[in-house]
Amino acid sequence: MLSAQQLETYITQNLGCDYIKVSGDDGTHFEALIVSPAFVGKSMVQQHQLVYQALGDRMRAEIHALSMKTLTPEAWLKSNS
């Protein structure tokens, strides 16, 4: 069974993140907040595609559902001001 921490590690190994928080306790359904400079200039769909690319085949094999909020570092700073 996959843990939220393992999922965080999978993402950060393949995507530079300024901040990431993954939660989920059933091993297949997860929620993630991901802040990455790689998202700058990208649409939300493109940002999510980058996360899916970072996860590779795990998205089809180990993860049933991933709900995510993706932000650029600038948007993250604005949301926390």
N, C-alpha and C. Protein backbone atom coordinates (compact mmCIF):
# COMPACT_ATOMS: atom_id res chain seq x y z
N MET A 1 0.84 -1.18 0.00
CA MET A 1 0.00 0.00 0.00
C MET A 1 0.89 1.25 0.00
N LEU A 2 0.54 2.20 -0.81
CA LEU A 2 1.30 3.43 -0.97
C LEU A 2 0.94 4.42 0.14
N SER A 3 1.95 5.09 0.70
CA SER A 3 1.69 6.11 1.72
C SER A 3 1.77 7.50 1.11
N ALA A 4 1.20 8.48 1.79
CA ALA A 4 1.27 9.87 1.33
C ALA A 4 2.72 10.32 1.24
N GLN A 5 3.56 9.91 2.18
CA GLN A 5 4.98 10.28 2.17
C GLN A 5 5.68 9.70 0.95
N GLN A 6 5.38 8.46 0.60
CA GLN A 6 5.98 7.85 -0.59
C GLN A 6 5.58 8.62 -1.84
N LEU A 7 4.31 9.02 -1.91
CA LEU A 7 3.83 9.77 -3.07
C LEU A 7 4.56 11.11 -3.17
N GLU A 8 4.73 11.79 -2.04
CA GLU A 8 5.51 13.05 -2.02
C GLU A 8 6.91 12.81 -2.58
N THR A 9 7.53 11.74 -2.14
CA THR A 9 8.89 11.42 -2.60
C THR A 9 8.91 11.17 -4.10
N TYR A 10 7.96 10.40 -4.61
CA TYR A 10 7.90 10.13 -6.05
C TYR A 10 7.80 11.43 -6.84
N ILE A 11 6.97 12.35 -6.38
CA ILE A 11 6.79 13.62 -7.10
C ILE A 11 8.07 14.45 -7.03
N THR A 12 8.64 14.60 -5.84
CA THR A 12 9.81 15.48 -5.69
C THR A 12 11.06 14.92 -6.35
N GLN A 13 11.12 13.62 -6.59
CA GLN A 13 12.26 13.03 -7.30
C GLN A 13 12.29 13.47 -8.76
N ASN A 14 11.13 13.82 -9.31
CA ASN A 14 11.04 14.12 -10.73
C ASN A 14 10.50 15.51 -11.04
N LEU A 15 10.21 16.30 -10.01
CA LEU A 15 9.67 17.64 -10.21
C LEU A 15 10.19 18.52 -9.08
N GLY A 16 10.87 19.59 -9.44
CA GLY A 16 11.37 20.51 -8.42
C GLY A 16 10.22 21.22 -7.73
N CYS A 17 10.11 21.04 -6.44
CA CYS A 17 9.00 21.62 -5.68
C CYS A 17 9.53 22.56 -4.61
N ASP A 18 8.92 23.73 -4.50
CA ASP A 18 9.22 24.63 -3.39
C ASP A 18 8.47 24.20 -2.14
N TYR A 19 7.31 23.58 -2.35
CA TYR A 19 6.50 23.08 -1.24
C TYR A 19 5.62 21.97 -1.78
N ILE A 20 5.43 20.95 -0.96
CA ILE A 20 4.51 19.87 -1.32
C ILE A 20 3.92 19.29 -0.04
N LYS A 21 2.64 19.01 -0.09
CA LYS A 21 1.95 18.35 1.02
C LYS A 21 0.95 17.38 0.41
N VAL A 22 1.12 16.12 0.71
CA VAL A 22 0.23 15.08 0.22
C VAL A 22 -0.46 14.45 1.43
N SER A 23 -1.76 14.25 1.31
CA SER A 23 -2.50 13.56 2.37
C SER A 23 -3.34 12.46 1.74
N GLY A 24 -3.72 11.53 2.57
CA GLY A 24 -4.52 10.39 2.15
C GLY A 24 -4.15 9.20 3.00
N ASP A 25 -5.14 8.48 3.46
CA ASP A 25 -4.83 7.39 4.39
C ASP A 25 -5.32 6.01 3.96
N ASP A 26 -5.85 5.92 2.74
CA ASP A 26 -6.32 4.59 2.34
C ASP A 26 -5.40 3.90 1.34
N GLY A 27 -4.30 4.58 0.96
CA GLY A 27 -3.32 3.96 0.08
C GLY A 27 -3.59 4.09 -1.40
N THR A 28 -4.77 4.60 -1.79
CA THR A 28 -5.06 4.74 -3.22
C THR A 28 -5.66 6.10 -3.59
N HIS A 29 -6.24 6.81 -2.62
CA HIS A 29 -6.85 8.12 -2.87
C HIS A 29 -6.04 9.19 -2.12
N PHE A 30 -5.60 10.21 -2.85
CA PHE A 30 -4.73 11.22 -2.26
C PHE A 30 -5.14 12.62 -2.68
N GLU A 31 -4.76 13.58 -1.83
CA GLU A 31 -4.90 15.00 -2.14
C GLU A 31 -3.52 15.62 -2.01
N ALA A 32 -3.19 16.53 -2.93
CA ALA A 32 -1.86 17.13 -2.91
C ALA A 32 -1.92 18.63 -3.18
N LEU A 33 -1.08 19.36 -2.47
CA LEU A 33 -0.82 20.77 -2.73
C LEU A 33 0.63 20.82 -3.18
N ILE A 34 0.86 21.32 -4.39
CA ILE A 34 2.19 21.31 -4.97
C ILE A 34 2.53 22.70 -5.48
N VAL A 35 3.66 23.23 -5.02
CA VAL A 35 4.15 24.54 -5.45
C VAL A 35 5.47 24.30 -6.18
N SER A 36 5.53 24.71 -7.45
CA SER A 36 6.73 24.46 -8.24
C SER A 36 6.98 25.59 -9.23
N PRO A 37 8.26 25.99 -9.38
CA PRO A 37 8.58 26.97 -10.41
C PRO A 37 8.37 26.42 -11.82
N ALA A 38 8.29 25.10 -11.97
CA ALA A 38 8.04 24.50 -13.28
C ALA A 38 6.65 24.85 -13.80
N PHE A 39 5.76 25.32 -12.91
CA PHE A 39 4.39 25.65 -13.30
C PHE A 39 4.25 27.04 -13.90
N VAL A 40 5.28 27.86 -13.80
CA VAL A 40 5.21 29.24 -14.30
C VAL A 40 4.91 29.24 -15.80
N GLY A 41 3.90 30.02 -16.18
CA GLY A 41 3.54 30.14 -17.59
C GLY A 41 2.74 28.99 -18.14
N LYS A 42 2.35 28.04 -17.29
CA LYS A 42 1.60 26.87 -17.74
C LYS A 42 0.15 26.97 -17.26
N SER A 43 -0.75 26.42 -18.06
CA SER A 43 -2.16 26.34 -17.65
C SER A 43 -2.29 25.30 -16.55
N MET A 44 -3.43 25.29 -15.88
CA MET A 44 -3.65 24.30 -14.82
C MET A 44 -3.55 22.88 -15.38
N VAL A 45 -4.09 22.66 -16.56
CA VAL A 45 -4.01 21.33 -17.18
C VAL A 45 -2.55 20.95 -17.42
N GLN A 46 -1.75 21.87 -17.92
CA GLN A 46 -0.33 21.60 -18.16
C GLN A 46 0.41 21.34 -16.85
N GLN A 47 0.05 22.07 -15.80
CA GLN A 47 0.67 21.85 -14.49
C GLN A 47 0.37 20.44 -14.00
N HIS A 48 -0.88 20.02 -14.12
CA HIS A 48 -1.27 18.68 -13.68
C HIS A 48 -0.57 17.62 -14.53
N GLN A 49 -0.40 17.88 -15.81
CA GLN A 49 0.30 16.94 -16.68
C GLN A 49 1.75 16.76 -16.23
N LEU A 50 2.38 17.85 -15.76
CA LEU A 50 3.75 17.74 -15.24
C LEU A 50 3.81 16.82 -14.02
N VAL A 51 2.81 16.92 -13.16
CA VAL A 51 2.77 16.05 -11.98
C VAL A 51 2.56 14.61 -12.42
N TYR A 52 1.64 14.38 -13.36
CA TYR A 52 1.41 13.02 -13.85
C TYR A 52 2.67 12.45 -14.48
N GLN A 53 3.41 13.27 -15.22
CA GLN A 53 4.67 12.83 -15.81
C GLN A 53 5.68 12.46 -14.73
N ALA A 54 5.71 13.25 -13.66
CA ALA A 54 6.62 12.96 -12.55
C ALA A 54 6.29 11.62 -11.90
N LEU A 55 5.01 11.26 -11.88
CA LEU A 55 4.60 9.99 -11.29
C LEU A 55 4.75 8.81 -12.23
N GLY A 56 4.76 9.08 -13.53
CA GLY A 56 4.94 8.01 -14.50
C GLY A 56 3.87 6.94 -14.39
N ASP A 57 4.28 5.69 -14.50
CA ASP A 57 3.34 4.56 -14.49
C ASP A 57 2.66 4.35 -13.14
N ARG A 58 3.17 4.96 -12.11
CA ARG A 58 2.54 4.82 -10.79
C ARG A 58 1.10 5.33 -10.79
N MET A 59 0.84 6.33 -11.63
CA MET A 59 -0.50 6.90 -11.70
C MET A 59 -1.50 5.87 -12.17
N ARG A 60 -1.09 4.98 -13.04
CA ARG A 60 -2.00 3.94 -13.53
C ARG A 60 -2.00 2.71 -12.63
N ALA A 61 -0.87 2.43 -12.01
CA ALA A 61 -0.73 1.17 -11.28
C ALA A 61 -1.06 1.28 -9.79
N GLU A 62 -0.51 2.28 -9.11
CA GLU A 62 -0.61 2.34 -7.65
C GLU A 62 -1.63 3.35 -7.13
N ILE A 63 -1.91 4.37 -7.91
CA ILE A 63 -2.75 5.47 -7.43
C ILE A 63 -4.08 5.43 -8.14
N HIS A 64 -5.15 5.32 -7.37
CA HIS A 64 -6.48 5.30 -7.97
C HIS A 64 -6.98 6.71 -8.25
N ALA A 65 -6.75 7.63 -7.30
CA ALA A 65 -7.23 9.01 -7.47
C ALA A 65 -6.26 9.99 -6.81
N LEU A 66 -5.99 11.07 -7.52
CA LEU A 66 -5.14 12.13 -7.00
C LEU A 66 -5.81 13.46 -7.29
N SER A 67 -6.26 14.10 -6.25
CA SER A 67 -6.83 15.45 -6.35
C SER A 67 -5.70 16.41 -6.01
N MET A 68 -5.44 17.37 -6.90
CA MET A 68 -4.31 18.25 -6.62
C MET A 68 -4.62 19.71 -6.87
N LYS A 69 -3.95 20.53 -6.09
CA LYS A 69 -3.94 21.97 -6.29
C LYS A 69 -2.49 22.32 -6.59
N THR A 70 -2.28 22.93 -7.75
CA THR A 70 -0.93 23.30 -8.16
C THR A 70 -0.82 24.81 -8.21
N LEU A 71 0.31 25.32 -7.73
CA LEU A 71 0.54 26.76 -7.68
C LEU A 71 1.97 27.08 -8.08
N THR A 72 2.14 28.24 -8.70
CA THR A 72 3.48 28.77 -8.91
C THR A 72 3.95 29.35 -7.58
N PRO A 73 5.26 29.53 -7.40
CA PRO A 73 5.73 30.15 -6.16
C PRO A 73 5.11 31.53 -5.91
N GLU A 74 4.93 32.32 -6.96
CA GLU A 74 4.32 33.65 -6.82
C GLU A 74 2.88 33.54 -6.33
N ALA A 75 2.11 32.64 -6.92
CA ALA A 75 0.72 32.46 -6.50
C ALA A 75 0.65 31.94 -5.06
N TRP A 76 1.59 31.09 -4.68
CA TRP A 76 1.66 30.57 -3.31
C TRP A 76 1.90 31.70 -2.32
N LEU A 77 2.85 32.59 -2.66
CA LEU A 77 3.13 33.72 -1.78
C LEU A 77 1.91 34.63 -1.63
N LYS A 78 1.22 34.88 -2.74
CA LYS A 78 0.03 35.73 -2.69
C LYS A 78 -1.07 35.11 -1.86
N SER A 79 -1.23 33.80 -1.94
CA SER A 79 -2.29 33.12 -1.20
C SER A 79 -1.99 33.06 0.29
N ASN A 80 -0.74 33.25 0.67
CA ASN A 80 -0.35 33.19 2.07
C ASN A 80 -0.08 34.56 2.66
N SER A 81 -0.42 35.62 1.94
CA SER A 81 -0.18 36.97 2.46
C SER A 81 -1.39 37.50 3.17
